[in-house]
Amino acid sequence: MFVWFTLGVLIVLFFNCMTALFNPAYRRGEGVKWGLVIFTVIMFSLVTVYTATKDHILSICYIDNREFPHYGPWGYHEAHGYTAIFIVARAAFNLNNWLADGFLVSSSSTAMTTHSCA
């Protein structure tokens, strides 16, 4: 149930962002900012990969291996933490966070240069 809720929220936010990027009322005479469109699609793709793999990992750990020796699901998570699906989830999460941080840094540096008091 929670999986479908999180994916639904993710999809609604993505389409709201894309609507805002393509809406001519928000562009102030400029064209479509294709860099932001591509950036939004990449971030949506990465967060979708992370959400899908993490939900699959949780179902493997807590449903299929709830009786795993040495601490149950957490023991399974620790014992198999370096398999491909775990690495894909971690990589998608970290790459998405780096992209978000880079976007914040670039937008704040742009705001600082355009609104300087000098």
Protein backbone atom coordinates (compact mmCIF):
# COMPACT_ATOMS: atom_id res chain seq x y z
CA MET A 1 0.00 0.00 0.00
CA PHE A 2 2.77 2.44 0.97
CA VAL A 3 4.65 1.58 -2.23
CA TRP A 4 1.77 2.71 -4.41
CA PHE A 5 1.32 5.85 -2.33
CA THR A 6 4.97 6.89 -2.68
CA LEU A 7 5.02 6.15 -6.40
CA GLY A 8 1.78 8.09 -6.85
CA VAL A 9 3.16 11.13 -5.03
CA LEU A 10 6.33 10.89 -7.11
CA ILE A 11 4.43 10.79 -10.39
CA VAL A 12 2.13 13.69 -9.40
CA LEU A 13 5.13 15.85 -8.43
CA PHE A 14 6.90 15.02 -11.69
CA PHE A 15 3.94 15.99 -13.85
CA ASN A 16 3.40 19.18 -11.84
CA CYS A 17 7.04 20.14 -12.45
CA MET A 18 6.81 19.35 -16.16
CA THR A 19 3.57 21.34 -16.46
CA ALA A 20 5.24 24.33 -14.82
CA LEU A 21 8.29 24.04 -17.10
CA PHE A 22 6.18 23.93 -20.27
CA ASN A 23 3.59 26.52 -19.19
CA PRO A 24 4.15 29.78 -21.11
CA ALA A 25 2.94 31.87 -18.18
CA TYR A 26 6.07 30.99 -16.18
CA ARG A 27 8.62 31.69 -18.92
CA ARG A 28 8.55 35.51 -19.12
CA GLY A 29 9.13 35.64 -22.88
CA GLU A 30 11.88 33.03 -22.83
CA GLY A 31 11.71 29.69 -24.55
CA VAL A 32 11.46 26.33 -22.87
CA LYS A 33 14.44 25.72 -20.61
CA TRP A 34 15.44 22.35 -22.00
CA GLY A 35 18.26 21.99 -19.49
CA LEU A 36 15.76 22.05 -16.63
CA VAL A 37 13.44 19.66 -18.48
CA ILE A 38 16.26 17.14 -19.00
CA PHE A 39 17.43 17.62 -15.40
CA THR A 40 13.90 16.98 -14.11
CA VAL A 41 13.53 13.84 -16.24
CA ILE A 42 16.90 12.50 -15.03
CA MET A 43 16.03 13.15 -11.39
CA PHE A 44 12.60 11.55 -11.84
CA SER A 45 14.23 8.50 -13.43
CA LEU A 46 16.79 8.14 -10.65
CA VAL A 47 14.26 8.53 -7.84
CA THR A 48 11.95 6.03 -9.56
CA VAL A 49 14.79 3.50 -9.80
CA TYR A 50 15.64 4.08 -6.16
CA THR A 51 12.03 3.78 -4.99
CA ALA A 52 11.39 0.61 -6.98
CA THR A 53 14.62 -1.12 -5.93
CA LYS A 54 14.30 -0.10 -2.28
CA ASP A 55 10.71 -1.34 -2.12
CA HIS A 56 11.84 -4.62 -3.70
CA ILE A 57 14.67 -4.89 -1.18
CA LEU A 58 12.27 -4.30 1.69
CA SER A 59 9.92 -7.00 0.43
CA ILE A 60 12.82 -9.43 0.08
CA CYS A 61 14.10 -8.64 3.57
CA TYR A 62 10.88 -8.43 5.55
CA ILE A 63 8.63 -10.88 3.70
CA ASP A 64 10.85 -13.53 2.14
CA ASN A 65 13.59 -13.59 4.81
CA ARG A 66 11.86 -12.67 8.04
CA GLU A 67 13.31 -15.79 9.70
CA PHE A 68 16.89 -15.17 8.53
CA PRO A 69 19.49 -16.22 11.14
CA HIS A 70 21.15 -13.44 13.11
CA TYR A 71 18.58 -10.68 13.56
CA GLY A 72 16.04 -11.63 10.89
CA PRO A 73 15.46 -9.12 8.09
CA TRP A 74 18.23 -6.81 9.25
CA GLY A 75 20.66 -9.74 9.25
CA TYR A 76 19.67 -10.54 5.67
CA HIS A 77 20.15 -6.90 4.73
CA GLU A 78 23.63 -6.86 6.28
CA ALA A 79 24.64 -10.23 4.80
CA HIS A 80 23.54 -9.41 1.25
CA GLY A 81 24.18 -5.67 1.23
CA TYR A 82 26.66 -5.88 -1.64
CA THR A 83 24.52 -7.63 -4.22
CA ALA A 84 23.54 -5.84 -7.42
CA ILE A 85 20.11 -4.61 -6.33
CA PHE A 86 21.49 -3.06 -3.13
CA ILE A 87 24.27 -1.33 -5.07
CA VAL A 88 21.83 0.00 -7.69
CA ALA A 89 19.60 1.44 -4.96
CA ARG A 90 22.53 3.12 -3.21
CA ALA A 91 23.97 4.47 -6.46
CA ALA A 92 20.63 5.93 -7.60
CA PHE A 93 20.09 7.54 -4.19
CA ASN A 94 23.57 9.07 -4.03
CA LEU A 95 23.55 10.28 -7.62
CA ASN A 96 20.13 11.87 -7.15
CA ASN A 97 21.33 13.67 -4.02
CA TRP A 98 24.45 14.91 -5.79
CA LEU A 99 22.36 16.25 -8.66
CA ALA A 100 20.00 18.00 -6.25
CA ASP A 101 22.90 19.54 -4.31
CA GLY A 102 24.56 20.65 -7.53
CA PHE A 103 21.34 22.28 -8.67
CA LEU A 104 21.02 24.15 -5.39
CA VAL A 105 24.62 25.35 -5.54
CA SER A 106 24.31 26.47 -9.16
CA SER A 107 21.01 28.27 -8.57
CA SER A 108 22.28 29.99 -5.43
CA SER A 109 25.49 31.10 -7.16
CA THR A 110 23.42 32.42 -10.07
CA ALA A 111 21.17 34.30 -7.66
CA MET A 112 24.19 35.76 -5.87
CA THR A 113 25.76 37.04 -9.10
CA THR A 114 22.56 38.53 -10.53
CA HIS A 115 21.46 40.21 -7.29
CA SER A 116 24.75 41.54 -5.97
CA CYS A 117 24.85 44.92 -4.28
CA ALA A 118 28.00 46.11 -6.07
